Amino acid sequence: MENKRALSDVVTTVLIILFAIVAVAIIGGIVINQVSKTGGKISTSAVCSEIDITPKACVKIDVATTCGTAATCAQVKIMRGGATSAEWTIKSIIPIFELKDGTTESGTEIIGIGLPGALATVDATLKDKAFDLVSKAGVAVKVVDKKGQEISCDLYKTTKVDCLATA
């Protein structure tokens, strides 16, 4: 009878150890998964914080060929700073215009040879919207990292300029 009791204690101990190992594996998997997700957000945030592209001015223009169907429209001057990186390259710049009703609209995406070089500026226009409907302008940027992954950086949330009728 004593042998059965001793055997039962051994089985119980082995089962407790197995349950502990399984619990550690499950919790470890969850923790590693969460840490890897956060790591991706940190690297995206780090890339976006390195980008030195800012709107410098938003002005009223009245050139029919530029404004499309509107008599006047908003044009934002976008400046690119000198920062470069071996970790990413700029794919495109998207001008974003905030309308007086609180909505936003994107201007024409600037890509390829239209992208400004370091310390250069480029103008972007919101076509087919009257200037009087626009209140602010900013930019969003798409970059491609070394792995070929596209990262969207919404710089508009942190950097905007007021659209003024005169420069």
Foldseek 3Di string as FASTA:
>chain_A
DVVVVVVVVVVVVVVVVVVVVVVCVVVVVVVVVVVVVVVVVVVLVVVLVQWAKKWDAKEKDQDCVQQPPERIWIKTKMWGAQGDDLFKDWAWKWKWWAFPVGDIDIFDIQGDPSDDHHGDIHMTIRHPDYHNGTFKMIMKTWMAGPVRDIRIHPCVVPHMDTYDHHD
